[in-house]
Amino acid sequence: MTDVNEAIKKFNRIHEPEVRAELVEIGKNYFVVKFSGRILCYSCGLYDYFEDLIWLSDLNAEVEGYEEREDGFYVRYSISTGRRL
């Protein structure tokens, strides 16, 4: 899942320190990323941050769902085997 790691690095270069992404879990057809940062609580474009990670990767992925926890938002992405066009 080098693509996921590279996308997270790019995301953090662009969005830190306001928002930070961290890979939490990775499976065969999914991955989970924790988004944290003060701005998330006040952002009307919260979901845009989650989708930015997809656009920074070369994966055919989509947001499957997310959960708000005390330490951030945990977003589960589902991935297809093909590449995005």
Foldseek 3Di string as FASTA:
>chain_A
DVQLVQLQVVLCVPDPPQKHWDWDDDDDFKTKIFIAHDCCVVDPVNVVSVVSSVVSGFWQKDWPDWDQDPGGIITMITTDPDTDD
